[in-house]
Each structure stands twice: as structure tokens, then as C-alpha cells.
Amino acid sequence: MKCLLAVVFVVMSGCSSLGMGHKSMDVLKARYANRFSRFMVIDGTPVHYRIEGNPDGPTLVLVHAVMASMQTWDGWVHYLGGSYRIVRLDMPGNGLTGPLQGSNDYSPEHMEQFFSDFVDAIKLDHFYLAGNSQGAMVAWMYALHHPERVDKLVLIQPLGYPQRLPPIINFMTTPGIRDLSYLGAPRALVTHVAREVYADPDRLNDGIIERYYDLSQRQGNRVAMMKTLVALRKAAQTEHYAKMIPEIKTPMLIEWGAKDKFVPRTLLLRWHHDQPTAPIIIYPWGGHVTMEEVPMQSSRDADRFFQGLPIKSNMWSEKTLINPD
């Protein structure tokens, strides 16, 4: 059986690199660290983070999704760095941070606790907070438990409600395939996932694809990413987290890419029901990583929200949400 699954991976890789090796930290740091990069140890895990932008501006903390890295927020840093002091990090199992040390727990609760420890370590008292996908789930859970610290919250394609996962995630987390995923990440598979999260794959350039692939080759990241996906698969099968969402008191803005293939747009109905005062902005040209694909528009709306300027929802009708074209 494993031989058959190995053949599947070879076919998916187009007989090119299976991504079974590792890239050295020296190589990865040379490519993906910069003059703003800092490293600190939290619970034994070396964390890569950056503090950049306007040192006198309000602090904005950015949290990326699984199988991603802090670079997905580059556009926001470009457009908002003149006004905000921006903090972003590579979450465990991603980017240059690498896997958790001394723990195999990649559940939403543990990821939130890790983020909380990071916030404490860099001594943030209060800040604006934005997250994407799993990072948005970490963000809203943190805001729920620490409302005194989070002034406002922006959620982009947030997770939290039960949902059907896309076929590629079900495939990758299937026992057997999952075991092979621990061993290698074929370039073709990484490229496929990257193309899936974009509404318009033509916007992907070789540099973005190379970044996704390179960082999957950081030692320990493949195993940690799969464990995170398995944990999210379990979370997507329960109402446990959904019951928390109405309790969030922090003012929030929800941004959504209409062409997202990972989170069903019908879940916007539940967000609207449980957080009726939260504006919802839908970007017709956005996918799962709206802040990376359409950074100017999404960061502009977040900035208006943080400043307290009027935000007009453009949420589609229930009929359109349930019966999308």
C-alpha cells in the first residue's frame, strides 16, 4: 500500500523533486530573514519575528495561516508601515521558526497559548490584531481571552465553524498519505496548494512559489504542518469553537475573498448572525489569502476600521451566499 502511495507522490511531483530533504537554516535565513528579523526562544522553540514600520505608530500584530509564513503580509507592511508599528511572526511549524520543541500539540488552543506567550515575551500591552485563516482563529481566540489587550480585530477568511474541508486537505491528512507527507513535500504539490489559495493563479510568480517550497524544506516544518492540518481537520468537525464566537467583545472587521476554495462563503451567514455589528467586506477578486493577493484594498479597509472611519459592508444576500454562481 505504501508503495502505491509513493507512486502517487511521484506522479504528483511530475518526476521532479519530491522535497524529501532539508534546506539548511543558513540558506533559508539568507533568503527569508532581513535586517528587521529577530529571534527569541519561547518554550524551547526559536521564533522568527519582525518589528518594523513606524515606531511611533499604534502597534498592529499580524498572524499568518498554516503552510504559510510572515511574508504573506508583505503587502500590508508596505501600505501600512508608514502609520503603524507592525509586529509579525512565523508561527510554529512555518517559516524560519520551525516545529514546536518539547510538544506535539498543534491544536488551536495550543497555538493560541503560544501566541499569547509571544505577546507577553515582547511586552505588548494593547494592539490591533489581524489574522488569516488558522491565524485568524488564533487571533479571535486570543481576543476572546484577552479583550483588555486587543483594541480592534481584523479577520480574513477566519476558521471556527464546522465545515467541509477542500479535497486537497482531506487528501493530505488521510492516514498513509499523511505518513508520506511527513517524508516529503513534492514541489508539484506545494505549487498546487499555492495555486488553490489564490483566486487568480496567474498572480503567483516564481518567487512566491519558491518561497512556499523553500520554507516547507526547513527541518521539522513538514511534520509540524501536517500535525496542524490534522488538528484543524478535527476542529472542523465540531461546534466547540463556534460556541465561543458570539462571546467575542472586541470590535471586529471581517474581510473575505469571494473566490476562496478553502472556507465556504456560506459561513459568512454564521459570522453575521453571531457578530451582527461586525462589518463584512467581500472582495470579488480575492481568494483564501486576500491580504496577499489584494493587499492595497484589504489594508486600506483595515486602516479605515482602525481609525474609526465608516466601514460599509457589502455582504451578499443570503440567496447569493447559499447559491453562488
Protein backbone atom coordinates (compact mmCIF):
# COMPACT_ATOMS: atom_id res chain seq x y z
CA MET A 1 0.00 0.00 0.00
CA LYS A 2 2.76 2.46 0.90
CA CYS A 3 4.49 1.70 -2.38
CA LEU A 4 1.31 2.65 -4.21
CA LEU A 5 1.07 5.89 -2.26
CA ALA A 6 4.70 6.61 -3.04
CA VAL A 7 3.87 6.24 -6.73
CA VAL A 8 1.07 8.79 -6.26
CA PHE A 9 3.56 11.25 -4.83
CA VAL A 10 5.99 10.67 -7.66
CA VAL A 11 3.26 11.27 -10.22
CA MET A 12 2.17 14.43 -8.40
CA SER A 13 5.73 15.64 -8.40
CA GLY A 14 5.97 15.29 -12.16
CA CYS A 15 9.05 13.12 -11.50
CA SER A 16 10.85 16.21 -10.20
CA SER A 17 11.95 16.88 -6.66
CA LEU A 18 9.97 15.02 -4.02
CA GLY A 19 11.08 17.54 -1.41
CA MET A 20 12.35 14.78 0.87
CA GLY A 21 15.48 16.62 2.01
CA HIS A 22 16.00 19.71 4.08
CA LYS A 23 17.44 23.13 3.36
CA SER A 24 19.92 24.49 5.83
CA MET A 25 18.96 27.35 8.11
CA ASP A 26 21.89 29.36 6.77
CA VAL A 27 20.45 29.17 3.26
CA LEU A 28 16.90 29.90 4.42
CA LYS A 29 17.95 32.81 6.62
CA ALA A 30 19.90 34.32 3.75
CA ARG A 31 16.73 34.25 1.65
CA TYR A 32 13.94 34.94 4.15
CA ALA A 33 15.42 36.89 7.06
CA ASN A 34 16.22 40.59 6.73
CA ARG A 35 17.51 43.47 8.81
CA PHE A 36 14.27 43.57 10.80
CA SER A 37 14.37 39.86 11.65
CA ARG A 38 14.78 38.88 15.27
CA PHE A 39 14.87 35.50 17.01
CA MET A 40 13.80 34.59 20.52
CA VAL A 41 13.10 31.30 22.31
CA ILE A 42 9.61 30.54 23.63
CA ASP A 43 9.18 27.24 25.50
CA GLY A 44 12.29 25.95 23.78
CA THR A 45 11.13 26.95 20.30
CA PRO A 46 13.23 29.55 18.42
CA VAL A 47 10.77 32.07 16.98
CA HIS A 48 11.44 34.26 13.95
CA TYR A 49 9.67 37.63 14.17
CA ARG A 50 9.97 41.19 12.95
CA ILE A 51 9.12 44.61 14.33
CA GLU A 52 9.03 47.21 11.57
CA GLY A 53 7.16 50.24 10.31
CA ASN A 54 6.57 53.44 12.23
CA PRO A 55 8.00 53.07 15.76
CA ASP A 56 5.72 55.88 16.99
CA GLY A 57 2.54 54.49 15.47
CA PRO A 58 -0.04 52.20 17.08
CA THR A 59 1.00 48.55 17.14
CA LEU A 60 -0.52 46.12 14.67
CA VAL A 61 0.17 42.39 15.07
CA LEU A 62 -0.24 40.06 12.07
CA VAL A 63 -0.78 36.28 12.23
CA HIS A 64 -0.49 34.08 9.13
CA ALA A 65 -2.14 30.74 8.27
CA VAL A 66 -0.82 27.18 8.30
CA MET A 67 1.54 26.26 5.43
CA ALA A 68 2.40 29.96 5.10
CA SER A 69 4.79 32.46 6.67
CA MET A 70 5.02 36.08 7.76
CA GLN A 71 5.78 37.07 4.14
CA THR A 72 2.11 36.69 3.26
CA TRP A 73 1.71 40.08 4.97
CA ASP A 74 4.40 41.87 2.94
CA GLY A 75 1.77 43.94 1.11
CA TRP A 76 0.19 45.16 4.34
CA VAL A 77 3.61 46.11 5.71
CA HIS A 78 4.25 48.08 2.52
CA TYR A 79 0.99 50.00 2.66
CA LEU A 80 0.60 50.39 6.44
CA GLY A 81 4.22 50.60 7.61
CA GLY A 82 4.25 54.39 7.46
CA SER A 83 1.45 54.61 10.01
CA TYR A 84 1.76 51.53 12.22
CA ARG A 85 4.38 49.72 14.25
CA ILE A 86 3.96 46.27 12.75
CA VAL A 87 4.78 43.01 14.52
CA ARG A 88 4.62 39.70 12.68
CA LEU A 89 6.00 36.24 13.36
CA ASP A 90 6.42 32.83 11.78
CA MET A 91 4.05 30.60 13.74
CA PRO A 92 5.32 27.17 14.88
CA GLY A 93 5.81 24.73 12.03
CA ASN A 94 6.12 27.50 9.49
CA GLY A 95 8.72 29.82 8.05
CA LEU A 96 12.01 30.07 9.89
CA THR A 97 10.50 29.30 13.29
CA GLY A 98 10.21 25.57 12.72
CA PRO A 99 8.42 22.96 14.82
CA LEU A 100 7.50 23.12 18.47
CA GLN A 101 10.20 21.82 20.79
CA GLY A 102 9.04 19.51 23.55
CA SER A 103 5.42 19.35 22.36
CA ASN A 104 3.40 17.72 19.60
CA ASP A 105 0.28 19.75 20.33
CA TYR A 106 -0.72 21.88 17.32
CA SER A 107 -4.34 22.31 18.39
CA PRO A 108 -5.99 25.74 18.10
CA GLU A 109 -5.80 26.08 21.89
CA HIS A 110 -2.07 25.45 22.00
CA MET A 111 -1.39 27.75 19.06
CA GLU A 112 -3.31 30.50 20.85
CA GLN A 113 -1.31 29.87 24.03
CA PHE A 114 1.94 30.02 22.08
CA PHE A 115 0.88 33.32 20.53
CA SER A 116 -0.07 34.61 23.98
CA ASP A 117 3.39 33.68 25.29
CA PHE A 118 4.94 35.54 22.35
CA VAL A 119 2.89 38.66 23.08
CA ASP A 120 3.96 38.50 26.72
CA ALA A 121 7.60 37.97 25.78
CA ILE A 122 7.78 41.13 23.66
CA LYS A 123 5.75 43.03 26.28
CA LEU A 124 2.76 44.24 24.26
CA ASP A 125 0.10 45.88 26.41
CA HIS A 126 -2.51 46.63 23.76
CA PHE A 127 -2.60 46.50 19.97
CA TYR A 128 -4.61 45.95 16.84
CA LEU A 129 -4.66 42.35 15.67
CA ALA A 130 -5.21 40.78 12.23
CA GLY A 131 -5.12 37.14 11.18
CA ASN A 132 -5.76 34.98 8.16
CA SER A 133 -7.42 31.53 8.14
CA GLN A 134 -5.93 29.50 11.00
CA GLY A 135 -4.11 32.67 12.03
CA ALA A 136 -7.48 34.42 12.22
CA MET A 137 -8.68 31.66 14.53
CA VAL A 138 -5.66 32.21 16.77
CA ALA A 139 -6.44 35.95 16.65
CA TRP A 140 -10.10 35.74 17.62
CA MET A 141 -9.43 33.17 20.35
CA TYR A 142 -6.75 35.44 21.80
CA ALA A 143 -9.08 38.47 21.62
CA LEU A 144 -11.79 36.46 23.37
CA HIS A 145 -9.49 35.56 26.24
CA HIS A 146 -7.59 38.89 26.39
CA PRO A 147 -10.11 41.63 25.49
CA GLU A 148 -8.16 44.18 27.52
CA ARG A 149 -5.22 43.91 25.13
CA VAL A 150 -6.81 43.79 21.66
CA ASP A 151 -8.25 47.16 20.64
CA LYS A 152 -9.65 46.03 17.29
CA LEU A 153 -9.62 42.82 15.30
CA VAL A 154 -9.49 42.09 11.55
CA LEU A 155 -10.29 38.53 10.47
CA ILE A 156 -9.53 37.38 6.93
CA GLN A 157 -11.16 34.08 5.89
CA PRO A 158 -11.43 33.09 9.57
CA LEU A 159 -11.83 29.48 10.70
CA GLY A 160 -14.02 28.48 13.63
CA TYR A 161 -17.23 26.91 12.36
CA PRO A 162 -17.69 23.29 11.25
CA GLN A 163 -17.06 22.96 7.54
CA ARG A 164 -16.24 20.59 4.74
CA LEU A 165 -12.54 20.80 4.01
CA PRO A 166 -11.27 21.06 0.44
CA PRO A 167 -10.27 17.77 -1.23
CA ILE A 168 -6.55 18.60 -1.18
CA ILE A 169 -6.56 18.97 2.63
CA ASN A 170 -8.57 15.77 3.10
CA PHE A 171 -6.12 14.02 0.80
CA MET A 172 -3.03 15.30 2.60
CA THR A 173 -4.38 14.37 6.06
CA THR A 174 -5.56 10.87 5.12
CA PRO A 175 -3.68 8.18 7.07
CA GLY A 176 -1.00 6.76 4.82
CA ILE A 177 -0.77 9.83 2.63
CA ARG A 178 -0.18 11.77 5.83
CA ASP A 179 2.73 9.48 6.71
CA LEU A 180 4.30 10.11 3.32
CA SER A 181 3.74 13.83 3.75
CA TYR A 182 5.98 13.67 6.79
CA LEU A 183 8.75 12.41 4.50
CA GLY A 184 8.43 14.72 1.53
CA ALA A 185 6.60 17.66 0.03
CA PRO A 186 6.74 17.39 -3.77
CA ARG A 187 7.22 20.71 -5.49
CA ALA A 188 4.16 19.98 -7.63
CA LEU A 189 2.03 19.50 -4.51
CA VAL A 190 3.30 22.72 -2.93
CA THR A 191 2.65 24.54 -6.20
CA HIS A 192 -0.86 23.09 -6.38
CA VAL A 193 -1.72 24.26 -2.87
CA ALA A 194 -0.31 27.73 -3.59
CA ARG A 195 -2.43 27.96 -6.74
CA GLU A 196 -5.51 26.85 -4.81
CA VAL A 197 -5.27 29.62 -2.23
CA TYR A 198 -5.13 32.31 -4.91
CA ALA A 199 -8.27 33.44 -6.71
CA ASP A 200 -6.18 34.13 -9.79
CA PRO A 201 -3.21 31.75 -10.04
CA ASP A 202 -1.74 33.98 -12.72
CA ARG A 203 -0.90 36.44 -9.92
CA LEU A 204 1.51 33.87 -8.50
CA ASN A 205 5.07 34.43 -9.55
CA ASP A 206 8.03 32.08 -9.34
CA GLY A 207 9.31 33.86 -6.25
CA ILE A 208 6.13 33.20 -4.25
CA ILE A 209 6.03 29.54 -5.24
CA GLU A 210 9.72 29.17 -4.43
CA ARG A 211 9.13 30.71 -1.01
CA TYR A 212 6.34 28.27 -0.18
CA TYR A 213 8.50 25.36 -1.32
CA ASP A 214 11.72 26.53 0.36
CA LEU A 215 10.09 27.05 3.74
CA SER A 216 8.44 23.64 3.58
CA GLN A 217 12.01 22.32 3.45
CA ARG A 218 13.00 23.84 6.79
CA GLN A 219 13.78 20.87 9.04
CA GLY A 220 10.70 19.84 11.01
CA ASN A 221 8.22 22.03 9.14
CA ARG A 222 6.61 19.28 7.05
CA VAL A 223 5.76 17.17 10.10
CA ALA A 224 4.54 20.20 12.06
CA MET A 225 2.41 21.47 9.15
CA MET A 226 0.73 18.06 8.80
CA LYS A 227 0.05 17.87 12.53
CA THR A 228 -1.50 21.33 12.34
CA LEU A 229 -3.70 20.30 9.40
CA VAL A 230 -4.80 17.16 11.27
CA ALA A 231 -5.71 19.32 14.28
CA LEU A 232 -7.68 21.70 12.04
CA ARG A 233 -9.45 18.77 10.42
CA LYS A 234 -10.64 17.70 13.88
CA ALA A 235 -11.65 21.27 14.72
CA ALA A 236 -13.71 21.49 11.52
CA GLN A 237 -15.87 18.59 12.70
CA THR A 238 -17.12 20.14 15.94
CA GLU A 239 -19.25 23.06 17.15
CA HIS A 240 -16.94 23.54 20.11
CA TYR A 241 -15.18 26.59 18.71
CA ALA A 242 -18.29 28.03 17.08
CA LYS A 243 -19.90 28.35 20.50
CA MET A 244 -17.17 30.79 21.52
CA ILE A 245 -17.62 33.23 18.63
CA PRO A 246 -20.73 35.08 19.96
CA GLU A 247 -18.75 35.81 23.15
CA ILE A 248 -16.08 37.90 21.39
CA LYS A 249 -16.48 41.52 22.54
CA THR A 250 -13.60 43.11 20.62
CA PRO A 251 -14.76 45.28 17.67
CA MET A 252 -14.03 43.33 14.51
CA LEU A 253 -13.94 43.65 10.74
CA ILE A 254 -14.30 40.56 8.56
CA GLU A 255 -12.62 40.54 5.15
CA TRP A 256 -13.45 37.78 2.70
CA GLY A 257 -12.25 36.71 -0.72
CA ALA A 258 -15.27 35.69 -2.81
CA LYS A 259 -13.28 33.06 -4.72
CA ASP A 260 -11.91 31.26 -1.67
CA LYS A 261 -11.76 27.49 -2.27
CA PHE A 262 -10.93 26.58 1.33
CA VAL A 263 -13.62 28.18 3.51
CA PRO A 264 -17.26 28.06 2.29
CA ARG A 265 -18.71 31.52 1.79
CA THR A 266 -21.97 30.36 3.36
CA LEU A 267 -20.21 30.56 6.74
CA LEU A 268 -20.46 34.34 6.43
CA LEU A 269 -24.10 33.88 7.43
CA ARG A 270 -22.99 32.41 10.73
CA TRP A 271 -20.41 35.15 11.30
CA HIS A 272 -23.07 37.76 10.59
CA HIS A 273 -25.51 36.05 12.94
CA ASP A 274 -23.02 35.70 15.81
CA GLN A 275 -21.28 39.08 15.31
CA PRO A 276 -24.02 41.27 13.80
CA THR A 277 -22.19 44.55 14.40
CA ALA A 278 -19.04 43.45 12.54
CA PRO A 279 -18.75 44.94 9.04
CA ILE A 280 -18.14 42.32 6.34
CA ILE A 281 -16.28 43.30 3.19
CA ILE A 282 -16.21 40.84 0.31
CA TYR A 283 -13.56 41.20 -2.38
CA PRO A 284 -14.85 39.69 -5.65
CA TRP A 285 -11.26 39.18 -6.87
CA GLY A 286 -9.91 37.69 -3.62
CA GLY A 287 -9.11 34.09 -2.71
CA HIS A 288 -8.06 32.49 0.57
CA VAL A 289 -5.12 34.85 1.17
CA THR A 290 -6.84 38.13 0.37
CA MET A 291 -4.21 40.21 2.17
CA GLU A 292 -1.51 38.73 -0.07
CA GLU A 293 -3.47 38.80 -3.31
CA VAL A 294 -5.16 42.20 -2.97
CA PRO A 295 -3.04 43.96 -0.31
CA MET A 296 -3.82 47.56 -1.23
CA GLN A 297 -7.60 47.28 -0.91
CA SER A 298 -7.64 44.96 2.11
CA SER A 299 -5.08 47.04 4.05
CA ARG A 300 -6.86 50.28 3.15
CA ASP A 301 -10.13 48.96 4.62
CA ALA A 302 -8.35 47.70 7.73
CA ASP A 303 -6.74 51.13 8.18
CA ARG A 304 -10.13 52.86 7.94
CA PHE A 305 -11.51 50.44 10.50
CA PHE A 306 -8.63 51.03 12.92
CA GLN A 307 -9.07 54.79 12.57
CA GLY A 308 -12.76 54.57 13.36
CA LEU A 309 -13.85 55.76 9.93
CA PRO A 310 -17.13 54.48 8.45
CA ILE A 311 -16.92 50.96 7.00
CA LYS A 312 -19.67 49.88 4.66
CA SER A 313 -20.44 46.18 4.47
CA ASN A 314 -21.06 44.72 1.05
CA MET A 315 -22.14 41.28 2.23
CA TRP A 316 -24.05 39.39 -0.38
CA SER A 317 -27.65 38.37 0.09
CA GLU A 318 -28.43 35.05 1.76
CA LYS A 319 -29.70 33.71 -1.57
CA THR A 320 -26.42 34.51 -3.31
CA LEU A 321 -24.38 33.06 -0.47
CA ILE A 322 -26.26 29.78 -0.50
CA ASN A 323 -26.47 29.54 -4.29
CA PRO A 324 -23.24 31.08 -5.56
CA ASP A 325 -22.61 31.20 -9.30
